Amino acid sequence: MSNLHFNNLDLNLLRIFDALLDERSVTRAGARLGMTQSAVSHALNRLRHALDDELFVRTSDGMRPTARAVEIGPAVRAALADLQSALTPQVFDASTAHRRFTLVAGPYTSAVLLPQVAARLREAAPFVQLRLTGPDGRLIENLDAGEVDAALTPNKAFPKRFTYEKLFEETVVWVVRAGHPAARGPVSLEALCDIPHIMVATPRLSPDRPEPDASSSVTAHLTDDADFEAMLTQQGLTRMVAMIVPDTFSALTIVARSDMAALVPRRLAEISVEAGRAAVLDTPYVSPVGEVGLLHRKDRLKDPAQAWFVKLVAETGRDLKALKKKH
């Protein structure tokens, strides 16, 4: 873009570009910005002229961004976030604010924590929108670009520009359907091995997927059966794996309608127990412990709205009831 083009560029066009990149729809982008469809289309034409690129091509699936749009999108979003932070008043009134926050959360953290987050948001900030997005292998890049505000993730080695706050710990338990004979009392390892097992096979690291589902990798670590298999080997025991499934939700659903058992995170198990679909087995060994925390950029806390949102999620996570001691 020439200096002449930039000097005459209406910065509001960048807000419209950012909304289009996110929504992939002129209609939805207009609704998000409070603009008519024709106004968004007119603004897009002006931006196309300024940048000398089509930016978005209409397809049967919506507005597909061009390579140029994909290239500049993260930088534009980060610049808008910085500008908003610089111009935002130093007080944030959650009760009247109209704003969207984006949080990375996998299925596990969405199930055990997000209902409480949603309740607090609705009470404190009725006009705020929360957008959940699953981990896609670009967690650090998305946080840097401002495409997401925070992420629920296990503790790892993160760059110093980020803050990781531990929220809660998690263990795993063996579950069977409600009313299963094994749920009547303590279960020995031998008795546990007599029950057909459902194994949760979670994604592993690979060269083409260096960052797996960050927020559900707590589940991947805890439901890894390697330690359990090693313990059985030491005691000369074997078990039968009757089924292999890709996630704990599938395992819980099948358990509730079969005579099989599965190893799942305790908090997910408690949800099924409360619904009357499952029972937790009292087993004679101690479960490994994992943790879940909140990851966010330190410098973004200069934005009062961002600081408020991070505090709300962090406090909600820390308020989760403590785990029972045995497992």
Protein backbone atom coordinates (compact mmCIF):
# COMPACT_ATOMS: atom_id res chain seq x y z
CA MET A 1 0.00 0.00 0.00
CA SER A 2 1.39 3.44 -0.86
CA ASN A 3 1.71 6.18 1.79
CA LEU A 4 -1.03 8.12 -0.02
CA HIS A 5 -3.40 5.17 0.29
CA PHE A 6 -2.63 4.69 3.97
CA ASN A 7 -2.98 8.37 4.83
CA ASN A 8 -6.46 8.37 3.32
CA LEU A 9 -7.53 5.05 4.79
CA ASP A 10 -10.56 5.08 7.08
CA LEU A 11 -9.50 2.95 10.05
CA ASN A 12 -13.12 1.85 10.52
CA LEU A 13 -12.59 -0.23 7.39
CA LEU A 14 -10.13 -2.37 9.34
CA ARG A 15 -12.80 -3.13 11.95
CA ILE A 16 -15.07 -4.30 9.16
CA PHE A 17 -12.24 -6.36 7.64
CA ASP A 18 -11.60 -8.01 11.01
CA ALA A 19 -15.29 -8.83 11.47
CA LEU A 20 -15.51 -10.30 7.97
CA LEU A 21 -12.43 -12.42 8.56
CA ASP A 22 -14.02 -13.79 11.71
CA GLU A 23 -17.62 -14.21 10.52
CA ARG A 24 -17.01 -15.05 6.81
CA SER A 25 -20.40 -13.44 6.11
CA VAL A 26 -21.39 -9.89 5.15
CA THR A 27 -24.72 -10.31 6.94
CA ARG A 28 -23.21 -11.61 10.20
CA ALA A 29 -20.41 -9.04 10.14
CA GLY A 30 -22.99 -6.30 9.72
CA ALA A 31 -25.09 -7.61 12.60
CA ARG A 32 -22.00 -7.76 14.80
CA LEU A 33 -21.03 -4.17 13.97
CA GLY A 34 -24.55 -2.73 13.86
CA MET A 35 -24.33 -2.01 10.13
CA THR A 36 -26.51 -2.87 7.17
CA GLN A 37 -25.39 -5.46 4.64
CA SER A 38 -25.05 -2.80 1.94
CA ALA A 39 -22.90 -0.64 4.21
CA VAL A 40 -20.53 -3.55 4.87
CA SER A 41 -20.35 -4.34 1.14
CA HIS A 42 -19.60 -0.70 0.35
CA ALA A 43 -16.87 -0.60 2.98
CA LEU A 44 -15.35 -3.81 1.63
CA ASN A 45 -15.19 -2.32 -1.86
CA ARG A 46 -13.37 0.72 -0.48
CA LEU A 47 -10.88 -1.50 1.32
CA ARG A 48 -10.35 -3.62 -1.79
CA HIS A 49 -9.45 -0.47 -3.70
CA ALA A 50 -7.10 0.74 -0.96
CA LEU A 51 -5.27 -2.58 -0.68
CA ASP A 52 -5.53 -3.52 -4.35
CA ASP A 53 -6.79 -7.01 -3.49
CA GLU A 54 -10.17 -8.77 -3.56
CA LEU A 55 -9.66 -9.75 0.13
CA PHE A 56 -12.84 -11.89 0.17
CA VAL A 57 -14.37 -14.03 -2.56
CA ARG A 58 -18.01 -15.06 -2.36
CA THR A 59 -18.50 -18.85 -2.38
CA SER A 60 -21.29 -21.26 -1.52
CA ASP A 61 -19.79 -21.56 1.97
CA GLY A 62 -19.58 -17.81 2.58
CA MET A 63 -16.90 -15.18 2.07
CA ARG A 64 -13.57 -16.93 1.57
CA PRO A 65 -10.52 -14.76 2.42
CA THR A 66 -7.77 -14.43 -0.14
CA ALA A 67 -4.17 -15.26 0.63
CA ARG A 68 -3.52 -11.56 1.22
CA ALA A 69 -6.39 -11.33 3.72
CA VAL A 70 -5.15 -14.37 5.61
CA GLU A 71 -1.63 -12.91 5.64
CA ILE A 72 -2.55 -9.53 7.12
CA GLY A 73 -5.42 -10.70 9.32
CA PRO A 74 -3.46 -11.44 12.54
CA ALA A 75 -1.51 -8.17 12.35
CA VAL A 76 -4.67 -6.14 11.76
CA ARG A 77 -6.42 -7.81 14.70
CA ALA A 78 -3.46 -7.24 17.00
CA ALA A 79 -3.23 -3.58 15.94
CA LEU A 80 -6.94 -3.05 16.58
CA ALA A 81 -6.61 -4.66 20.00
CA ASP A 82 -3.68 -2.38 20.86
CA LEU A 83 -5.60 0.66 19.64
CA GLN A 84 -8.67 -0.33 21.64
CA SER A 85 -6.51 -0.81 24.73
CA ALA A 86 -4.91 2.62 24.27
CA LEU A 87 -8.27 4.37 23.88
CA THR A 88 -10.29 2.34 26.41
CA PRO A 89 -11.18 4.22 29.59
CA GLN A 90 -9.34 3.00 32.67
CA VAL A 91 -12.58 1.70 34.15
CA PHE A 92 -14.64 -1.17 32.78
CA ASP A 93 -18.34 -1.36 33.56
CA ALA A 94 -19.18 -5.01 32.96
CA SER A 95 -22.90 -4.45 33.54
CA THR A 96 -23.23 -2.22 30.46
CA ALA A 97 -20.31 -3.35 28.29
CA HIS A 98 -20.91 -4.71 24.78
CA ARG A 99 -17.86 -6.79 23.98
CA ARG A 100 -16.82 -10.24 22.83
CA PHE A 101 -14.22 -12.34 24.63
CA THR A 102 -12.68 -15.43 23.04
CA LEU A 103 -11.52 -18.34 25.17
CA VAL A 104 -9.72 -21.51 24.06
CA ALA A 105 -11.28 -24.49 25.81
CA GLY A 106 -11.37 -28.16 24.88
CA PRO A 107 -14.35 -30.45 25.54
CA TYR A 108 -13.17 -31.43 29.03
CA THR A 109 -12.69 -27.88 30.36
CA SER A 110 -15.86 -26.75 28.61
CA ALA A 111 -17.82 -29.41 30.48
CA VAL A 112 -16.37 -28.97 33.96
CA LEU A 113 -15.73 -25.22 34.12
CA LEU A 114 -17.61 -23.29 31.44
CA PRO A 115 -21.12 -23.68 32.90
CA GLN A 116 -19.94 -21.77 35.99
CA VAL A 117 -18.12 -19.18 33.85
CA ALA A 118 -21.25 -18.67 31.75
CA ALA A 119 -23.41 -18.18 34.85
CA ARG A 120 -21.09 -15.54 36.27
CA LEU A 121 -20.84 -13.77 32.92
CA ARG A 122 -24.60 -13.63 32.49
CA GLU A 123 -25.00 -12.21 35.97
CA ALA A 124 -22.20 -9.65 35.87
CA ALA A 125 -22.08 -8.77 32.16
CA PRO A 126 -25.40 -9.54 30.40
CA PHE A 127 -24.37 -7.86 27.13
CA VAL A 128 -20.95 -9.50 26.85
CA GLN A 129 -20.55 -12.37 24.37
CA LEU A 130 -18.25 -15.32 25.08
CA ARG A 131 -16.88 -17.20 22.09
CA LEU A 132 -15.35 -20.63 22.74
CA THR A 133 -12.89 -22.06 20.28
CA GLY A 134 -11.15 -25.42 20.38
CA PRO A 135 -7.35 -25.63 20.30
CA ASP A 136 -6.12 -25.77 16.71
CA GLY A 137 -2.36 -26.12 17.06
CA ARG A 138 -1.78 -22.33 16.93
CA LEU A 139 -2.38 -21.43 20.57
CA ILE A 140 0.66 -19.17 21.02
CA GLU A 141 0.21 -17.46 17.65
CA ASN A 142 -3.48 -16.83 18.31
CA LEU A 143 -2.79 -15.32 21.72
CA ASP A 144 -0.04 -13.13 20.27
CA ALA A 145 -2.32 -11.93 17.47
CA GLY A 146 -5.17 -11.15 19.84
CA GLU A 147 -7.43 -13.67 18.12
CA VAL A 148 -8.11 -15.23 21.54
CA ASP A 149 -8.01 -13.58 24.96
CA ALA A 150 -7.03 -16.56 27.09
CA ALA A 151 -6.76 -20.35 27.06
CA LEU A 152 -7.52 -23.15 29.50
CA THR A 153 -4.52 -25.46 29.33
CA PRO A 154 -2.25 -27.71 31.41
CA ASN A 155 1.01 -26.30 32.69
CA LYS A 156 3.80 -26.32 30.13
CA ALA A 157 6.86 -24.22 29.35
CA PHE A 158 5.47 -20.97 27.95
CA PRO A 159 7.36 -17.86 26.76
CA LYS A 160 7.91 -15.17 29.40
CA ARG A 161 5.44 -12.78 27.77
CA PHE A 162 2.64 -15.08 29.00
CA THR A 163 1.17 -15.66 32.45
CA TYR A 164 0.02 -19.13 33.47
CA GLU A 165 -2.27 -19.32 36.52
CA LYS A 166 -3.01 -22.71 38.06
CA LEU A 167 -6.77 -23.13 38.57
CA PHE A 168 -7.47 -26.67 39.76
CA GLU A 169 -6.21 -30.24 39.85
CA GLU A 170 -7.79 -33.34 38.33
CA THR A 171 -7.50 -37.10 38.80
CA VAL A 172 -9.14 -40.07 37.11
CA VAL A 173 -11.51 -42.79 38.28
CA TRP A 174 -12.94 -45.99 36.87
CA VAL A 175 -16.64 -45.74 36.05
CA VAL A 176 -19.35 -48.25 35.19
CA ARG A 177 -23.04 -47.85 34.49
CA ALA A 178 -25.37 -47.02 37.35
CA GLY A 179 -26.52 -50.26 38.95
CA HIS A 180 -23.51 -52.28 37.80
CA PRO A 181 -22.72 -55.11 40.29
CA ALA A 182 -19.13 -53.88 40.67
CA ALA A 183 -20.37 -50.56 42.08
CA ARG A 184 -21.68 -52.15 45.29
CA GLY A 185 -18.38 -51.95 47.15
CA PRO A 186 -14.56 -51.85 46.92
CA VAL A 187 -13.17 -53.47 43.75
CA SER A 188 -9.85 -55.35 43.71
CA LEU A 189 -7.50 -55.13 40.75
CA GLU A 190 -8.37 -58.71 39.88
CA ALA A 191 -12.10 -57.87 39.82
CA LEU A 192 -11.43 -54.73 37.80
CA CYS A 193 -9.54 -56.80 35.21
CA ASP A 194 -12.54 -59.13 34.90
CA ILE A 195 -14.66 -56.23 33.58
CA PRO A 196 -14.24 -55.44 29.84
CA HIS A 197 -12.52 -52.06 29.46
CA ILE A 198 -13.06 -49.11 27.15
CA MET A 199 -9.75 -47.44 26.34
CA VAL A 200 -9.60 -43.73 25.46
CA ALA A 201 -7.02 -43.28 22.69
CA THR A 202 -6.15 -39.57 22.64
CA PRO A 203 -4.08 -37.85 19.89
CA ARG A 204 -0.34 -38.05 20.25
CA LEU A 205 2.36 -35.58 19.27
CA SER A 206 3.60 -35.83 15.70
CA PRO A 207 5.88 -33.72 13.48
CA ASP A 208 2.90 -32.36 11.53
CA ARG A 209 0.90 -31.70 14.71
CA PRO A 210 3.37 -30.26 17.25
CA GLU A 211 0.68 -28.76 19.52
CA PRO A 212 -2.22 -31.16 20.19
CA ASP A 213 -5.51 -30.20 21.81
CA ALA A 214 -3.93 -28.15 24.58
CA SER A 215 -6.85 -27.92 26.93
CA SER A 216 -7.82 -31.57 26.65
CA SER A 217 -4.23 -32.86 26.95
CA VAL A 218 -4.85 -32.96 30.71
CA THR A 219 -7.34 -35.68 29.88
CA ALA A 220 -4.82 -37.29 27.52
CA HIS A 221 -2.23 -37.46 30.28
CA LEU A 222 -4.60 -38.76 32.93
CA THR A 223 -6.39 -41.35 30.81
CA ASP A 224 -3.14 -42.74 29.38
CA ASP A 225 -3.34 -46.40 30.42
CA ALA A 226 0.43 -46.98 30.31
CA ASP A 227 0.90 -46.61 34.09
CA PHE A 228 -2.08 -48.84 34.77
CA GLU A 229 -0.78 -51.48 32.36
CA ALA A 230 2.63 -51.36 34.04
CA MET A 231 1.04 -51.90 37.45
CA LEU A 232 -0.91 -54.89 36.15
CA THR A 233 2.25 -56.37 34.64
CA GLN A 234 4.09 -56.05 37.95
CA GLN A 235 1.31 -57.97 39.65
CA GLY A 236 1.00 -60.59 36.91
CA LEU A 237 -2.46 -59.47 35.84
CA THR A 238 -3.99 -58.94 32.41
CA ARG A 239 -7.18 -57.26 31.28
CA MET A 240 -9.41 -57.23 28.22
CA VAL A 241 -9.76 -54.02 26.23
CA ALA A 242 -13.11 -54.51 24.53
CA MET A 243 -13.33 -51.14 22.81
CA ILE A 244 -11.10 -48.19 21.88
CA VAL A 245 -12.70 -44.74 21.54
CA PRO A 246 -11.29 -41.29 20.65
CA ASP A 247 -12.53 -39.32 23.67
CA THR A 248 -13.88 -39.55 27.20
CA PHE A 249 -17.37 -38.39 26.25
CA SER A 250 -17.77 -41.37 23.93
CA ALA A 251 -16.47 -43.64 26.69
CA LEU A 252 -18.96 -42.29 29.23
CA THR A 253 -21.87 -42.63 26.82
CA ILE A 254 -21.01 -46.26 26.06
CA VAL A 255 -20.36 -47.09 29.71
CA ALA A 256 -23.84 -45.86 30.64
CA ARG A 257 -25.38 -48.41 28.25
CA SER A 258 -23.10 -51.42 28.72
CA ASP A 259 -21.35 -53.57 31.30
CA MET A 260 -17.92 -52.15 30.46
CA ALA A 261 -15.70 -49.84 32.53
CA ALA A 262 -13.66 -46.79 31.50
CA LEU A 263 -10.99 -44.58 33.04
CA VAL A 264 -12.13 -40.93 32.90
CA PRO A 265 -11.43 -37.61 34.69
CA ARG A 266 -13.19 -37.48 38.06
CA ARG A 267 -15.11 -34.26 37.38
CA LEU A 268 -16.56 -35.67 34.17
CA ALA A 269 -17.46 -38.85 36.02
CA GLU A 270 -19.26 -36.83 38.70
CA ILE A 271 -21.43 -35.18 36.05
CA SER A 272 -22.57 -38.61 34.84
CA VAL A 273 -23.05 -39.83 38.41
CA GLU A 274 -25.23 -36.83 39.27
CA ALA A 275 -27.33 -37.54 36.17
CA GLY A 276 -27.82 -41.14 37.33
CA ARG A 277 -25.99 -42.62 34.33
CA ALA A 278 -22.78 -43.90 35.96
CA ALA A 279 -21.16 -45.05 39.19
CA VAL A 280 -17.56 -44.57 40.36
CA LEU A 281 -15.63 -47.68 41.37
CA ASP A 282 -13.70 -47.75 44.63
CA THR A 283 -10.33 -49.06 43.42
CA PRO A 284 -7.21 -49.87 45.50
CA TYR A 285 -4.67 -47.58 43.87
CA VAL A 286 -3.93 -43.86 43.68
CA SER A 287 -4.64 -41.94 40.47
CA PRO A 288 -2.10 -39.61 38.85
CA VAL A 289 -2.84 -35.91 39.26
CA GLY A 290 -2.97 -33.31 36.49
CA GLU A 291 -3.72 -29.61 36.57
CA VAL A 292 -5.56 -27.03 34.50
CA GLY A 293 -4.59 -23.37 34.33
CA LEU A 294 -5.34 -20.14 32.51
CA LEU A 295 -2.87 -18.81 29.95
CA HIS A 296 -2.88 -15.20 28.73
CA ARG A 297 -0.61 -12.38 27.58
CA LYS A 298 0.78 -10.26 30.43
CA ASP A 299 0.72 -7.00 28.51
CA ARG A 300 -2.96 -7.33 27.55
CA LEU A 301 -3.93 -6.86 31.20
CA LYS A 302 -3.42 -3.13 30.62
CA ASP A 303 -6.86 -3.30 29.03
CA PRO A 304 -9.33 -3.12 31.98
CA ALA A 305 -11.82 -5.30 30.12
CA GLN A 306 -9.22 -7.99 29.50
CA ALA A 307 -8.09 -7.85 33.12
CA TRP A 308 -11.71 -8.21 34.28
CA PHE A 309 -12.34 -11.23 32.04
CA VAL A 310 -9.14 -13.02 33.04
CA LYS A 311 -9.93 -12.45 36.71
CA LEU A 312 -13.47 -13.81 36.31
CA VAL A 313 -12.31 -17.04 34.63
CA ALA A 314 -9.42 -17.51 37.06
CA GLU A 315 -11.59 -17.02 40.14
CA THR A 316 -14.23 -19.38 38.76
CA GLY A 317 -11.63 -22.09 38.17
CA ARG A 318 -10.11 -21.72 41.61
CA ASP A 319 -13.59 -21.91 43.16
CA LEU A 320 -14.22 -25.41 41.81
CA LYS A 321 -14.67 -27.82 44.70
CA ALA A 322 -11.58 -29.68 45.80
CA LEU A 323 -11.04 -33.27 44.72
CA LYS A 324 -11.73 -36.11 47.08
CA LYS A 325 -8.51 -37.27 48.70
CA LYS A 326 -8.54 -41.00 47.88
CA HIS A 327 -8.35 -40.82 44.08
